[in-house]
């Protein structure tokens, strides 16, 4: 989550799926609540760090898009989707593609 915020669409769900086999059935609801709580705190910390313009390693944050020349866009991204104002149309396309996959599944 800290290095690539958009790698997992739902990090809570992914982590709970990985942890589920290690907990008995009667403890899974508690495990679910604990994971959701701590990942919400982690998300808040990442959001605060994002506002500074740098990641946790001290690297400057950059837009997720590529320029016409094939180099990464160097503009500061929006925290919601990782694209700068010039590349917001790519974020909308990503959301549409995700919606199509969910509907098809």
N, C-alpha and C. Protein backbone atom coordinates (compact mmCIF):
# COMPACT_ATOMS: atom_id res chain seq x y z
N UNK A 1 0.82 -1.19 0.00
CA UNK A 1 0.00 0.00 0.00
C UNK A 1 0.87 1.26 0.00
N UNK A 2 1.97 1.22 0.73
CA UNK A 2 2.77 2.43 0.86
C UNK A 2 3.54 2.75 -0.42
N UNK A 3 3.94 1.74 -1.16
CA UNK A 3 4.74 2.01 -2.36
C UNK A 3 3.88 2.15 -3.60
N UNK A 4 2.81 1.40 -3.72
CA UNK A 4 1.93 1.51 -4.87
C UNK A 4 0.49 1.39 -4.39
N UNK A 5 -0.11 2.51 -4.16
CA UNK A 5 -1.42 2.57 -3.55
C UNK A 5 -2.52 1.93 -4.40
N UNK A 6 -2.32 1.85 -5.70
CA UNK A 6 -3.37 1.36 -6.58
C UNK A 6 -3.13 -0.06 -7.05
N UNK A 7 -2.16 -0.76 -6.48
CA UNK A 7 -1.87 -2.12 -6.91
C UNK A 7 -3.03 -3.05 -6.55
N UNK A 8 -3.53 -2.93 -5.33
CA UNK A 8 -4.68 -3.72 -4.90
C UNK A 8 -5.91 -2.84 -4.92
N UNK A 9 -6.96 -3.31 -5.56
CA UNK A 9 -8.20 -2.53 -5.57
C UNK A 9 -8.80 -2.46 -4.17
N UNK A 10 -8.72 -3.58 -3.44
CA UNK A 10 -9.27 -3.65 -2.08
C UNK A 10 -8.26 -4.38 -1.19
N UNK A 11 -7.32 -3.65 -0.59
CA UNK A 11 -6.28 -4.31 0.20
C UNK A 11 -6.83 -5.04 1.42
N UNK A 12 -7.89 -4.53 2.02
CA UNK A 12 -8.47 -5.20 3.18
C UNK A 12 -8.96 -6.59 2.80
N UNK A 13 -9.65 -6.66 1.71
CA UNK A 13 -10.20 -7.94 1.25
C UNK A 13 -9.07 -8.93 0.93
N UNK A 14 -8.02 -8.45 0.28
CA UNK A 14 -6.89 -9.33 -0.07
C UNK A 14 -6.21 -9.87 1.17
N UNK A 15 -5.97 -9.00 2.16
CA UNK A 15 -5.30 -9.44 3.38
C UNK A 15 -6.17 -10.41 4.17
N UNK A 16 -7.45 -10.16 4.25
CA UNK A 16 -8.35 -11.06 4.98
C UNK A 16 -8.38 -12.44 4.31
N UNK A 17 -8.38 -12.47 2.99
CA UNK A 17 -8.34 -13.77 2.29
C UNK A 17 -7.07 -14.54 2.62
N UNK A 18 -5.95 -13.83 2.74
CA UNK A 18 -4.69 -14.50 3.06
C UNK A 18 -4.64 -14.98 4.51
N UNK A 19 -5.27 -14.23 5.41
CA UNK A 19 -5.22 -14.58 6.84
C UNK A 19 -6.28 -15.58 7.27
N UNK A 20 -7.36 -15.69 6.54
CA UNK A 20 -8.49 -16.53 6.93
C UNK A 20 -8.12 -17.96 7.32
N UNK A 21 -7.22 -18.66 6.60
CA UNK A 21 -6.92 -20.05 6.98
C UNK A 21 -6.24 -20.20 8.34
N UNK A 22 -5.67 -19.13 8.86
CA UNK A 22 -4.92 -19.21 10.10
C UNK A 22 -5.77 -18.92 11.35
N UNK A 23 -7.04 -18.64 11.16
CA UNK A 23 -7.92 -18.32 12.29
C UNK A 23 -9.11 -19.27 12.30
N UNK A 24 -9.54 -19.71 13.49
CA UNK A 24 -10.74 -20.56 13.56
C UNK A 24 -11.98 -19.75 13.15
N UNK A 25 -13.01 -20.45 12.79
CA UNK A 25 -14.23 -19.79 12.31
C UNK A 25 -14.81 -18.80 13.31
N UNK A 26 -14.78 -19.12 14.58
CA UNK A 26 -15.39 -18.23 15.56
C UNK A 26 -14.56 -16.96 15.81
N UNK A 27 -13.31 -16.90 15.36
CA UNK A 27 -12.46 -15.72 15.54
C UNK A 27 -12.33 -14.89 14.27
N UNK A 28 -12.92 -15.34 13.18
CA UNK A 28 -12.73 -14.63 11.91
C UNK A 28 -13.42 -13.28 11.87
N UNK A 29 -14.54 -13.12 12.52
CA UNK A 29 -15.20 -11.82 12.52
C UNK A 29 -14.36 -10.79 13.29
N UNK A 30 -13.75 -11.24 14.39
CA UNK A 30 -12.86 -10.34 15.15
C UNK A 30 -11.62 -10.00 14.31
N UNK A 31 -11.04 -10.99 13.65
CA UNK A 31 -9.88 -10.77 12.79
C UNK A 31 -10.23 -9.79 11.69
N UNK A 32 -11.41 -9.92 11.11
CA UNK A 32 -11.88 -9.02 10.06
C UNK A 32 -11.95 -7.58 10.57
N UNK A 33 -12.51 -7.40 11.75
CA UNK A 33 -12.63 -6.06 12.33
C UNK A 33 -11.26 -5.45 12.62
N UNK A 34 -10.34 -6.25 13.13
CA UNK A 34 -8.99 -5.76 13.44
C UNK A 34 -8.27 -5.35 12.16
N UNK A 35 -8.35 -6.18 11.13
CA UNK A 35 -7.69 -5.87 9.86
C UNK A 35 -8.28 -4.60 9.26
N UNK A 36 -9.59 -4.47 9.25
CA UNK A 36 -10.22 -3.27 8.70
C UNK A 36 -9.80 -2.02 9.47
N UNK A 37 -9.73 -2.12 10.79
CA UNK A 37 -9.33 -0.98 11.62
C UNK A 37 -7.91 -0.52 11.30
N UNK A 38 -6.97 -1.47 11.30
CA UNK A 38 -5.58 -1.11 11.09
C UNK A 38 -5.28 -0.69 9.65
N UNK A 39 -5.95 -1.26 8.69
CA UNK A 39 -5.75 -0.81 7.32
C UNK A 39 -6.38 0.56 7.09
N UNK A 40 -7.44 0.88 7.80
CA UNK A 40 -8.00 2.23 7.72
C UNK A 40 -7.01 3.25 8.30
N UNK A 41 -6.35 2.90 9.41
CA UNK A 41 -5.33 3.77 9.97
C UNK A 41 -4.15 3.92 9.01
N UNK A 42 -3.75 2.83 8.38
CA UNK A 42 -2.65 2.89 7.41
C UNK A 42 -3.04 3.76 6.21
N UNK A 43 -4.28 3.65 5.78
CA UNK A 43 -4.75 4.45 4.66
C UNK A 43 -4.73 5.93 5.00
N UNK A 44 -5.11 6.28 6.23
CA UNK A 44 -5.05 7.67 6.68
C UNK A 44 -3.62 8.18 6.68
N UNK A 45 -2.68 7.37 7.17
CA UNK A 45 -1.27 7.77 7.20
C UNK A 45 -0.73 7.96 5.79
N UNK A 46 -1.12 7.08 4.88
CA UNK A 46 -0.67 7.20 3.49
C UNK A 46 -1.26 8.46 2.86
N UNK A 47 -2.51 8.75 3.17
CA UNK A 47 -3.16 9.96 2.64
C UNK A 47 -2.44 11.21 3.13
N UNK A 48 -2.08 11.25 4.42
CA UNK A 48 -1.35 12.39 4.96
C UNK A 48 0.02 12.52 4.30
N UNK A 49 0.70 11.39 4.10
CA UNK A 49 2.00 11.40 3.46
C UNK A 49 1.88 11.85 2.01
N UNK A 50 0.82 11.46 1.35
CA UNK A 50 0.58 11.81 -0.05
C UNK A 50 0.48 13.32 -0.21
N UNK A 51 -0.14 13.97 0.76
CA UNK A 51 -0.33 15.42 0.70
C UNK A 51 1.00 16.17 0.75
N UNK A 52 2.03 15.55 1.31
CA UNK A 52 3.34 16.20 1.39
C UNK A 52 4.05 16.20 0.04
N UNK A 53 3.63 15.32 -0.88
CA UNK A 53 4.25 15.25 -2.19
C UNK A 53 5.38 14.23 -2.28
N UNK A 54 5.64 13.53 -1.19
CA UNK A 54 6.72 12.54 -1.16
C UNK A 54 6.21 11.23 -0.57
N UNK A 55 6.78 10.10 -1.01
CA UNK A 55 6.39 8.82 -0.44
C UNK A 55 7.18 8.56 0.84
N UNK A 56 6.99 7.39 1.45
CA UNK A 56 7.63 7.09 2.73
C UNK A 56 9.14 6.94 2.61
N UNK A 57 9.64 6.65 1.41
CA UNK A 57 11.08 6.52 1.19
C UNK A 57 11.73 7.87 0.88
N UNK A 58 10.92 8.93 0.79
CA UNK A 58 11.45 10.25 0.50
C UNK A 58 11.50 10.59 -0.98
N UNK A 59 10.95 9.72 -1.81
CA UNK A 59 10.92 9.97 -3.25
C UNK A 59 9.74 10.87 -3.60
N UNK A 60 9.93 11.74 -4.58
CA UNK A 60 8.86 12.63 -5.01
C UNK A 60 7.78 11.81 -5.72
N UNK A 61 6.53 12.08 -5.41
CA UNK A 61 5.42 11.38 -6.05
C UNK A 61 5.23 11.89 -7.47
N UNK A 62 4.92 10.99 -8.38
CA UNK A 62 4.71 11.35 -9.78
C UNK A 62 3.40 10.74 -10.26
N UNK A 63 2.87 11.32 -11.29
CA UNK A 63 1.65 10.83 -11.94
C UNK A 63 1.88 9.40 -12.45
N UNK A 64 0.84 8.59 -12.52
CA UNK A 64 0.93 7.21 -12.98
C UNK A 64 1.01 7.10 -14.50
N UNK A 65 0.75 8.18 -15.22
CA UNK A 65 0.68 8.15 -16.68
C UNK A 65 2.06 8.32 -17.32
N UNK A 66 2.11 8.00 -18.59
CA UNK A 66 3.32 8.20 -19.40
C UNK A 66 3.06 9.36 -20.37
N UNK A 67 4.11 10.11 -20.69
CA UNK A 67 3.98 11.21 -21.63
C UNK A 67 4.01 10.68 -23.06
N UNK A 68 3.82 11.55 -24.02
CA UNK A 68 3.85 11.14 -25.43
C UNK A 68 5.21 10.62 -25.83
N UNK A 69 6.26 11.10 -25.17
CA UNK A 69 7.62 10.66 -25.47
C UNK A 69 7.96 9.33 -24.80
N UNK A 70 7.07 8.81 -23.99
CA UNK A 70 7.29 7.52 -23.33
C UNK A 70 7.97 7.62 -21.99
N UNK A 71 8.10 8.81 -21.44
CA UNK A 71 8.69 8.99 -20.12
C UNK A 71 7.58 9.17 -19.09
N UNK A 72 7.83 8.83 -17.84
CA UNK A 72 6.79 9.01 -16.82
C UNK A 72 6.47 10.50 -16.61
N UNK A 73 5.21 10.79 -16.43
CA UNK A 73 4.78 12.17 -16.15
C UNK A 73 5.35 12.57 -14.79
N UNK A 74 5.88 13.77 -14.69
CA UNK A 74 6.53 14.23 -13.47
C UNK A 74 5.64 15.11 -12.60
N UNK A 75 4.42 15.33 -13.01
CA UNK A 75 3.53 16.21 -12.24
C UNK A 75 3.01 15.52 -10.99
N UNK A 76 2.64 16.31 -10.01
CA UNK A 76 2.11 15.79 -8.75
C UNK A 76 0.72 15.20 -8.97
N UNK A 77 0.51 13.95 -8.57
CA UNK A 77 -0.79 13.30 -8.80
C UNK A 77 -1.84 13.70 -7.78
N UNK A 78 -3.07 13.45 -8.13
CA UNK A 78 -4.20 13.64 -7.22
C UNK A 78 -4.26 12.42 -6.30
N UNK A 79 -4.48 12.60 -5.00
CA UNK A 79 -4.48 11.45 -4.08
C UNK A 79 -5.57 10.42 -4.34
N UNK A 80 -6.67 10.81 -4.95
CA UNK A 80 -7.77 9.88 -5.16
C UNK A 80 -7.44 8.79 -6.16
N UNK A 81 -6.71 9.14 -7.24
CA UNK A 81 -6.51 8.14 -8.29
C UNK A 81 -5.08 8.05 -8.81
N UNK A 82 -4.18 8.94 -8.40
CA UNK A 82 -2.79 8.86 -8.81
C UNK A 82 -2.46 9.50 -10.13
N UNK A 83 -3.40 10.19 -10.74
CA UNK A 83 -3.16 10.89 -11.99
C UNK A 83 -3.18 12.39 -11.77
N UNK A 84 -2.33 13.11 -12.52
CA UNK A 84 -2.29 14.57 -12.43
C UNK A 84 -3.52 15.14 -13.15
N UNK A 85 -3.77 16.45 -13.03
CA UNK A 85 -4.94 17.03 -13.70
C UNK A 85 -4.96 16.81 -15.22
N UNK A 86 -3.79 16.76 -15.84
CA UNK A 86 -3.74 16.56 -17.30
C UNK A 86 -4.12 15.15 -17.72
N UNK A 87 -3.99 14.19 -16.81
CA UNK A 87 -4.25 12.79 -17.15
C UNK A 87 -5.47 12.21 -16.44
N UNK A 88 -6.37 13.06 -15.97
CA UNK A 88 -7.57 12.58 -15.29
C UNK A 88 -8.44 11.73 -16.20
N UNK A 89 -8.38 11.96 -17.50
CA UNK A 89 -9.18 11.15 -18.43
C UNK A 89 -8.76 9.68 -18.38
N UNK A 90 -7.51 9.40 -18.04
CA UNK A 90 -7.06 8.01 -17.90
C UNK A 90 -7.67 7.35 -16.68
N UNK A 91 -7.85 8.12 -15.62
CA UNK A 91 -8.48 7.59 -14.41
C UNK A 91 -9.93 7.22 -14.69
N UNK A 92 -10.61 8.06 -15.45
CA UNK A 92 -12.00 7.75 -15.80
C UNK A 92 -12.08 6.49 -16.63
N UNK A 93 -11.12 6.29 -17.54
CA UNK A 93 -11.10 5.07 -18.36
C UNK A 93 -10.83 3.84 -17.50
N UNK A 94 -9.94 3.96 -16.49
CA UNK A 94 -9.67 2.85 -15.58
C UNK A 94 -10.93 2.47 -14.81
N UNK A 95 -11.67 3.46 -14.34
CA UNK A 95 -12.89 3.19 -13.59
C UNK A 95 -13.93 2.50 -14.47
N UNK A 96 -14.03 2.93 -15.72
CA UNK A 96 -14.99 2.30 -16.65
C UNK A 96 -14.58 0.85 -16.92
N UNK A 97 -13.30 0.59 -17.14
CA UNK A 97 -12.83 -0.76 -17.40
C UNK A 97 -13.10 -1.65 -16.18
N UNK A 98 -12.88 -1.13 -14.96
CA UNK A 98 -13.12 -1.91 -13.75
C UNK A 98 -14.60 -2.23 -13.62
N UNK A 99 -15.45 -1.28 -13.96
CA UNK A 99 -16.90 -1.49 -13.89
C UNK A 99 -17.31 -2.59 -14.87
N UNK A 100 -16.74 -2.57 -16.06
CA UNK A 100 -17.08 -3.60 -17.05
C UNK A 100 -16.67 -4.98 -16.58
N UNK A 101 -15.52 -5.09 -15.95
CA UNK A 101 -15.05 -6.39 -15.47
C UNK A 101 -15.98 -6.89 -14.37
N UNK A 102 -16.38 -6.02 -13.47
CA UNK A 102 -17.26 -6.42 -12.37
C UNK A 102 -18.61 -6.86 -12.91
N UNK A 103 -19.15 -6.15 -13.87
CA UNK A 103 -20.45 -6.50 -14.44
C UNK A 103 -20.35 -7.84 -15.18
N UNK A 104 -19.23 -8.05 -15.88
CA UNK A 104 -19.07 -9.28 -16.64
C UNK A 104 -18.89 -10.49 -15.72
N UNK A 105 -18.32 -10.29 -14.54
CA UNK A 105 -18.07 -11.39 -13.63
C UNK A 105 -19.28 -11.77 -12.90
